[in-house]
Amino acid sequence: METYLETTKDVYKQAALTPDVGLCCTTTPVWQLPGLSIPKIMLEMNYGCGSTVNPRDLVNNPNILYVGVGGGMELLQFAYFSRKKEGVIGVDVVDEMLEASRKNFKEAEELNPWFKSEFVQLRKGDALNLPVEDNSIDVAAQNCLFNIFKADDLKKALQEMYRVLKPHGRLVLSDPTCEAEMPDTLKNDERLRALCLSGALPLQEYINMITEVGFGTVEIRARRPYRILAPGHYNTNKLIFIESVEVCAIKDPMPADGPCVFTGKSAIYFGDETLFDDGKGHTLLHNQPLAVCDKTAGALAALGKPDIYISESTYFYDGGGCC
């Protein structure tokens, strides 16, 4: 195992033994759901940068996989939607983190009459070699873990998620991204990488890594400010701005013309007819916005029609649209 992965294990072993509230700063408010009470210790051990729990992913009693269990908070949230024995699988390479989650689930049982620890099956395992069967998972998720990996390991982790997902299954990710070039001094700092800072990729590179392993549809659901690495505090001579993103990658067949990537663009037809049909399966009703993937947005823009407006990317996509 590479030394940076050993450093990561050590960081999260300590975070399991002594909860570190400042280790990560979640940029998404914690879901407030009817009848769900989250133990304080789980909130203190919420070592993510966003959320991977979205109710529209979690219909029809899905089988759920969560990699990098933290204090168990998102496992508890996923179990809220599943509520069946071993409906949620949590995988972690750190024994102490698995044990902390088991303990936290006992407290969660006391606060939530509907919850049973048996709803979650905890497994010792590595994101690069998941102890999970092929094509067995409906929704897989990770929060602020994959950004720690270097390129070759990130590819393996994504391939493993793709392997275990059923056709049309969903991989939900939350990770830091960074458009500025990360200095080698920071990239090679194993502790900063373990702290989810110096491994952050540019968003387009991050999306490319996801689609290159085969995911045919990618949704950018949120993009928010996350951290500043400033000179004087970090070994850099320039200010580095880091954002967090929430992404859903769907195991759809890859279209012949490339993946459908939704970054929050919309098309609006405002011409003289009741609708516009591009003859390729996209119908724009008069003055009604339609969410479109970047590929469709480019094709519509290329038509040169002055009565079709294409918005800029909002980096917020909430379903529906052209595909």
Protein backbone atom coordinates (compact mmCIF):
# COMPACT_ATOMS: atom_id res chain seq x y z
CA MET A 1 0.00 0.00 0.00
CA GLU A 2 1.27 3.49 -0.87
CA THR A 3 2.42 5.57 2.09
CA TYR A 4 -0.22 8.28 1.51
CA LEU A 5 -2.94 5.65 2.07
CA GLU A 6 -1.26 4.58 5.30
CA THR A 7 -1.19 8.22 6.40
CA THR A 8 -4.89 8.48 5.59
CA LYS A 9 -5.65 5.40 7.71
CA ASP A 10 -3.73 6.92 10.63
CA VAL A 11 -5.61 10.24 10.35
CA TYR A 12 -9.01 8.55 10.42
CA LYS A 13 -8.01 6.08 13.11
CA GLN A 14 -7.35 9.08 15.35
CA ALA A 15 -10.59 10.74 14.18
CA ALA A 16 -12.47 7.59 15.22
CA LEU A 17 -10.83 7.38 18.63
CA THR A 18 -11.11 11.13 19.32
CA PRO A 19 -13.85 12.84 17.27
CA ASP A 20 -12.44 15.87 15.45
CA VAL A 21 -15.24 18.34 14.78
CA GLY A 22 -12.99 20.56 12.66
CA LEU A 23 -11.62 17.79 10.45
CA CYS A 24 -14.10 18.53 7.66
CA CYS A 25 -16.74 21.20 7.28
CA THR A 26 -19.92 19.98 5.61
CA THR A 27 -21.25 22.62 3.23
CA THR A 28 -24.74 21.11 3.05
CA PRO A 29 -27.25 21.33 5.91
CA VAL A 30 -27.97 17.95 7.47
CA TRP A 31 -31.26 16.47 6.23
CA GLN A 32 -34.11 17.01 8.70
CA LEU A 33 -36.52 14.12 8.13
CA PRO A 34 -39.70 13.20 10.06
CA GLY A 35 -38.92 10.80 12.88
CA LEU A 36 -35.15 10.93 12.34
CA SER A 37 -32.96 11.96 15.28
CA ILE A 38 -29.20 11.98 14.69
CA PRO A 39 -26.99 11.39 17.74
CA LYS A 40 -24.68 14.28 18.58
CA ILE A 41 -21.63 12.04 18.25
CA MET A 42 -22.57 11.25 14.63
CA LEU A 43 -22.77 14.96 13.85
CA GLU A 44 -19.35 15.50 15.43
CA MET A 45 -17.96 12.66 13.28
CA ASN A 46 -19.51 13.90 10.04
CA TYR A 47 -16.24 13.91 8.07
CA GLY A 48 -17.72 14.87 4.70
CA CYS A 49 -17.86 17.99 2.56
CA GLY A 50 -21.49 17.75 1.42
CA SER A 51 -24.32 15.23 1.40
CA THR A 52 -24.87 12.06 -0.62
CA VAL A 53 -28.40 11.44 0.69
CA ASN A 54 -31.10 12.47 -1.78
CA PRO A 55 -34.68 11.13 -1.38
CA ARG A 56 -35.25 10.89 -5.13
CA ASP A 57 -32.45 8.32 -5.38
CA LEU A 58 -33.85 6.18 -2.58
CA VAL A 59 -37.18 4.81 -3.80
CA ASN A 60 -38.42 1.20 -3.95
CA ASN A 61 -36.33 -0.25 -1.09
CA PRO A 62 -32.89 0.13 -2.71
CA ASN A 63 -29.79 -1.83 -1.78
CA ILE A 64 -27.32 0.84 -0.68
CA LEU A 65 -23.53 0.88 -0.38
CA TYR A 66 -21.62 3.58 1.48
CA VAL A 67 -17.82 3.60 1.39
CA GLY A 68 -15.92 5.34 4.19
CA VAL A 69 -18.39 5.10 7.06
CA GLY A 70 -17.28 8.00 9.26
CA GLY A 71 -19.40 8.08 12.40
CA GLY A 72 -22.33 6.42 10.66
CA MET A 73 -24.51 9.48 10.08
CA GLU A 74 -25.16 8.97 6.38
CA LEU A 75 -25.57 5.23 6.94
CA LEU A 76 -28.36 6.08 9.41
CA GLN A 77 -29.91 8.49 6.91
CA PHE A 78 -29.78 5.85 4.16
CA ALA A 79 -31.32 3.27 6.52
CA TYR A 80 -34.22 5.69 7.05
CA PHE A 81 -35.23 5.06 3.43
CA SER A 82 -34.42 1.34 3.36
CA ARG A 83 -35.51 -0.08 6.75
CA LYS A 84 -34.68 -3.68 5.96
CA LYS A 85 -32.12 -6.07 7.34
CA GLU A 86 -28.71 -5.37 5.77
CA GLY A 87 -30.33 -2.99 3.29
CA VAL A 88 -27.34 -0.68 3.75
CA ILE A 89 -23.72 -1.86 3.50
CA GLY A 90 -21.01 0.29 5.05
CA VAL A 91 -17.39 -0.40 4.04
CA ASP A 92 -14.31 1.03 5.73
CA VAL A 93 -10.65 0.05 5.92
CA VAL A 94 -10.20 1.48 9.44
CA ASP A 95 -11.20 -0.93 12.24
CA GLU A 96 -11.61 1.87 14.76
CA MET A 97 -14.05 3.72 12.50
CA LEU A 98 -16.16 0.57 12.05
CA GLU A 99 -16.23 0.05 15.81
CA ALA A 100 -17.17 3.68 16.43
CA SER A 101 -20.07 3.37 13.99
CA ARG A 102 -21.33 0.20 15.71
CA LYS A 103 -21.33 2.04 19.03
CA ASN A 104 -23.06 5.07 17.52
CA PHE A 105 -25.80 2.88 16.02
CA LYS A 106 -26.71 1.67 19.52
CA GLU A 107 -27.29 5.28 20.53
CA ALA A 108 -29.27 5.84 17.32
CA GLU A 109 -31.53 2.91 18.26
CA GLU A 110 -32.39 4.64 21.54
CA LEU A 111 -33.30 7.89 19.75
CA ASN A 112 -35.16 6.34 16.79
CA PRO A 113 -37.80 3.67 17.53
CA TRP A 114 -37.90 2.67 13.84
CA PHE A 115 -34.14 2.02 13.57
CA LYS A 116 -32.39 -1.30 14.17
CA SER A 117 -28.62 -1.76 13.91
CA GLU A 118 -29.25 -4.81 11.72
CA PHE A 119 -30.45 -2.45 8.96
CA VAL A 120 -26.74 -1.65 8.39
CA GLN A 121 -24.11 -4.29 7.65
CA LEU A 122 -20.59 -3.05 8.34
CA ARG A 123 -17.77 -4.70 6.37
CA LYS A 124 -14.02 -4.28 6.64
CA GLY A 125 -12.81 -3.48 3.16
CA ASP A 126 -10.96 -1.24 0.77
CA ALA A 127 -12.50 1.14 -1.76
CA LEU A 128 -10.00 -0.22 -4.30
CA ASN A 129 -11.23 -3.79 -3.84
CA LEU A 130 -14.79 -3.70 -2.53
CA PRO A 131 -16.11 -6.77 -0.66
CA VAL A 132 -19.36 -6.54 -2.63
CA GLU A 133 -20.83 -8.68 -5.43
CA ASP A 134 -21.09 -7.49 -9.03
CA ASN A 135 -24.34 -5.77 -10.10
CA SER A 136 -25.86 -5.97 -6.61
CA ILE A 137 -26.23 -2.33 -5.54
CA ASP A 138 -28.90 0.24 -6.48
CA VAL A 139 -27.25 3.30 -4.89
CA ALA A 140 -23.56 3.62 -4.00
CA ALA A 141 -22.10 6.66 -2.27
CA GLN A 142 -18.93 8.19 -0.89
CA ASN A 143 -18.37 11.53 0.80
CA CYS A 144 -14.99 13.27 0.74
CA LEU A 145 -13.02 10.05 0.24
CA PHE A 146 -12.23 9.73 -3.46
CA ASN A 147 -10.50 13.12 -3.61
CA ILE A 148 -7.83 11.64 -1.35
CA PHE A 149 -6.80 9.13 -4.03
CA LYS A 150 -4.13 9.76 -6.63
CA ALA A 151 -5.18 9.30 -10.26
CA ASP A 152 -4.54 5.55 -10.65
CA ASP A 153 -6.23 4.73 -7.35
CA LEU A 154 -9.15 7.04 -8.12
CA LYS A 155 -9.72 5.20 -11.37
CA LYS A 156 -9.72 1.86 -9.51
CA ALA A 157 -12.18 3.17 -6.91
CA LEU A 158 -14.56 4.40 -9.61
CA GLN A 159 -14.26 1.13 -11.51
CA GLU A 160 -15.12 -0.77 -8.34
CA MET A 161 -18.24 1.35 -7.80
CA TYR A 162 -19.24 0.79 -11.42
CA ARG A 163 -18.74 -2.96 -11.01
CA VAL A 164 -21.00 -3.37 -7.99
CA LEU A 165 -23.83 -1.17 -9.30
CA LYS A 166 -26.82 -2.65 -11.08
CA PRO A 167 -27.60 -1.32 -14.59
CA HIS A 168 -29.00 2.23 -14.17
CA GLY A 169 -27.72 2.24 -10.59
CA ARG A 170 -26.54 5.53 -9.10
CA LEU A 171 -23.18 6.56 -7.70
CA VAL A 172 -23.55 9.65 -5.51
CA LEU A 173 -20.36 11.52 -4.68
CA SER A 174 -19.39 14.57 -2.67
CA ASP A 175 -15.83 15.83 -3.05
CA PRO A 176 -13.73 19.00 -3.05
CA THR A 177 -12.67 20.34 -6.47
CA CYS A 178 -10.20 23.07 -7.38
CA GLU A 179 -9.79 24.99 -10.64
CA ALA A 180 -6.39 26.44 -9.69
CA GLU A 181 -3.28 24.36 -10.26
CA MET A 182 -2.39 22.71 -6.97
CA PRO A 183 1.34 23.17 -6.20
CA ASP A 184 3.37 19.96 -5.97
CA THR A 185 4.38 20.94 -2.44
CA LEU A 186 0.74 20.56 -1.41
CA LYS A 187 -0.12 17.64 -3.70
CA ASN A 188 2.70 15.61 -2.20
CA ASP A 189 1.84 16.50 1.39
CA GLU A 190 0.32 13.21 2.57
CA ARG A 191 -1.47 14.69 5.55
CA LEU A 192 -3.08 17.50 3.52
CA ARG A 193 -4.23 14.89 1.01
CA ALA A 194 -5.71 12.83 3.86
CA LEU A 195 -7.50 15.95 5.09
CA CYS A 196 -9.34 16.23 1.72
CA LEU A 197 -7.52 19.35 0.58
CA SER A 198 -4.55 18.89 -1.72
CA GLY A 199 -6.00 16.07 -3.86
CA ALA A 200 -8.80 18.23 -5.24
CA LEU A 201 -9.10 18.06 -9.06
CA PRO A 202 -10.59 20.60 -11.50
CA LEU A 203 -14.29 19.81 -11.97
CA GLN A 204 -13.99 18.86 -15.66
CA GLU A 205 -11.12 16.48 -14.92
CA TYR A 206 -13.19 14.97 -12.11
CA ILE A 207 -16.16 14.47 -14.47
CA ASN A 208 -13.87 12.96 -17.13
CA MET A 209 -12.58 10.40 -14.61
CA ILE A 210 -16.19 9.38 -13.91
CA THR A 211 -17.27 9.06 -17.54
CA GLU A 212 -14.08 7.28 -18.62
CA VAL A 213 -15.00 4.26 -16.48
CA GLY A 214 -18.35 4.01 -18.28
CA PHE A 215 -21.00 6.15 -16.55
CA GLY A 216 -23.26 7.43 -19.35
CA THR A 217 -25.08 10.14 -17.36
CA VAL A 218 -23.61 12.59 -14.85
CA GLU A 219 -25.56 15.15 -12.84
CA ILE A 220 -23.92 18.10 -11.04
CA ARG A 221 -26.35 18.70 -8.20
CA ALA A 222 -24.51 21.34 -6.19
CA ARG A 223 -21.31 23.38 -6.23
CA ARG A 224 -20.35 25.46 -3.21
CA PRO A 225 -17.35 27.31 -1.70
CA TYR A 226 -15.38 25.02 0.61
CA ARG A 227 -11.87 26.11 1.65
CA ILE A 228 -9.11 28.64 1.06
CA LEU A 229 -5.46 27.58 1.15
CA ALA A 230 -3.68 30.85 1.79
CA PRO A 231 0.02 31.79 1.80
CA GLY A 232 1.32 31.94 5.34
CA HIS A 233 -0.96 29.12 6.41
CA TYR A 234 0.00 26.60 3.74
CA ASN A 235 3.11 26.06 1.63
CA THR A 236 1.89 28.06 -1.35
CA ASN A 237 2.71 31.49 -2.78
CA LYS A 238 -0.82 32.04 -4.10
CA LEU A 239 -4.33 31.85 -2.73
CA ILE A 240 -6.07 28.59 -3.69
CA PHE A 241 -9.88 28.44 -3.70
CA ILE A 242 -11.49 25.01 -3.20
CA GLU A 243 -15.13 24.19 -3.85
CA SER A 244 -17.24 21.17 -2.92
CA VAL A 245 -19.48 19.43 -5.45
CA GLU A 246 -22.29 16.92 -5.17
CA VAL A 247 -22.49 14.63 -8.19
CA CYS A 248 -24.66 11.69 -9.24
CA ALA A 249 -23.23 9.34 -11.88
CA ILE A 250 -25.69 6.87 -13.40
CA LYS A 251 -24.72 3.50 -14.85
CA ASP A 252 -26.57 4.19 -18.09
CA PRO A 253 -25.30 2.89 -21.43
CA MET A 254 -22.78 5.27 -22.93
CA PRO A 255 -24.41 7.19 -25.84
CA ALA A 256 -22.64 6.92 -29.19
CA ASP A 257 -21.93 10.67 -29.11
CA GLY A 258 -20.59 10.67 -25.57
CA PRO A 259 -21.95 11.04 -22.04
CA CYS A 260 -24.83 13.26 -21.01
CA VAL A 261 -23.44 15.68 -18.41
CA PHE A 262 -25.91 17.99 -16.69
CA THR A 263 -24.33 21.14 -15.24
CA GLY A 264 -27.56 23.06 -14.73
CA LYS A 265 -28.13 24.50 -18.20
CA SER A 266 -31.62 25.19 -19.56
CA ALA A 267 -32.99 25.95 -23.02
CA ILE A 268 -35.97 28.26 -23.64
CA TYR A 269 -37.75 28.64 -26.99
CA PHE A 270 -39.49 32.01 -27.33
CA GLY A 271 -40.38 32.07 -31.04
CA ASP A 272 -43.75 32.35 -32.79
CA GLU A 273 -44.76 28.67 -32.70
CA THR A 274 -46.23 26.69 -29.81
CA LEU A 275 -43.14 24.50 -29.69
CA PHE A 276 -39.82 23.75 -31.31
CA ASP A 277 -38.76 20.20 -32.19
CA ASP A 278 -35.12 19.70 -33.15
CA GLY A 279 -35.91 16.33 -34.75
CA LYS A 280 -33.53 14.58 -32.36
CA GLY A 281 -35.90 13.92 -29.49
CA HIS A 282 -35.81 17.36 -27.88
CA THR A 283 -39.04 19.38 -27.80
CA LEU A 284 -39.09 22.90 -26.39
CA LEU A 285 -42.52 24.20 -25.41
CA HIS A 286 -43.03 27.91 -25.94
CA ASN A 287 -41.34 29.94 -23.20
CA GLN A 288 -40.97 26.91 -20.93
CA PRO A 289 -37.43 26.16 -19.68
CA LEU A 290 -36.13 22.66 -20.34
CA ALA A 291 -33.12 21.30 -18.45
CA VAL A 292 -30.57 20.14 -21.02
CA CYS A 293 -27.25 18.35 -20.78
CA ASP A 294 -24.19 20.22 -22.00
CA LYS A 295 -24.11 18.14 -25.18
CA THR A 296 -27.71 19.09 -26.12
CA ALA A 297 -27.11 22.71 -25.12
CA GLY A 298 -24.19 22.83 -27.57
CA ALA A 299 -26.22 21.24 -30.37
CA LEU A 300 -29.11 23.68 -29.90
CA ALA A 301 -26.74 26.66 -29.78
CA ALA A 302 -25.11 25.46 -33.00
CA LEU A 303 -28.45 25.81 -34.81
CA GLY A 304 -28.01 29.57 -34.63
CA LYS A 305 -31.70 30.20 -33.90
CA PRO A 306 -32.14 33.64 -32.34
CA ASP A 307 -35.34 32.51 -30.60
CA ILE A 308 -33.68 29.83 -28.48
CA TYR A 309 -31.96 30.94 -25.28
CA ILE A 310 -29.35 28.70 -23.64
CA SER A 311 -28.51 29.56 -20.04
CA GLU A 312 -25.09 29.31 -18.49
CA SER A 313 -24.28 26.40 -16.19
CA THR A 314 -25.70 26.90 -12.71
CA TYR A 315 -23.99 23.73 -11.40
CA PHE A 316 -27.29 22.81 -9.83
CA TYR A 317 -29.39 20.10 -11.48
CA ASP A 318 -32.54 18.72 -9.89
CA GLY A 319 -33.83 16.19 -12.41
CA GLY A 320 -35.91 16.12 -15.57
CA GLY A 321 -35.05 17.58 -18.92
CA CYS A 322 -33.75 16.40 -22.24
CA CYS A 323 -32.51 12.89 -21.52
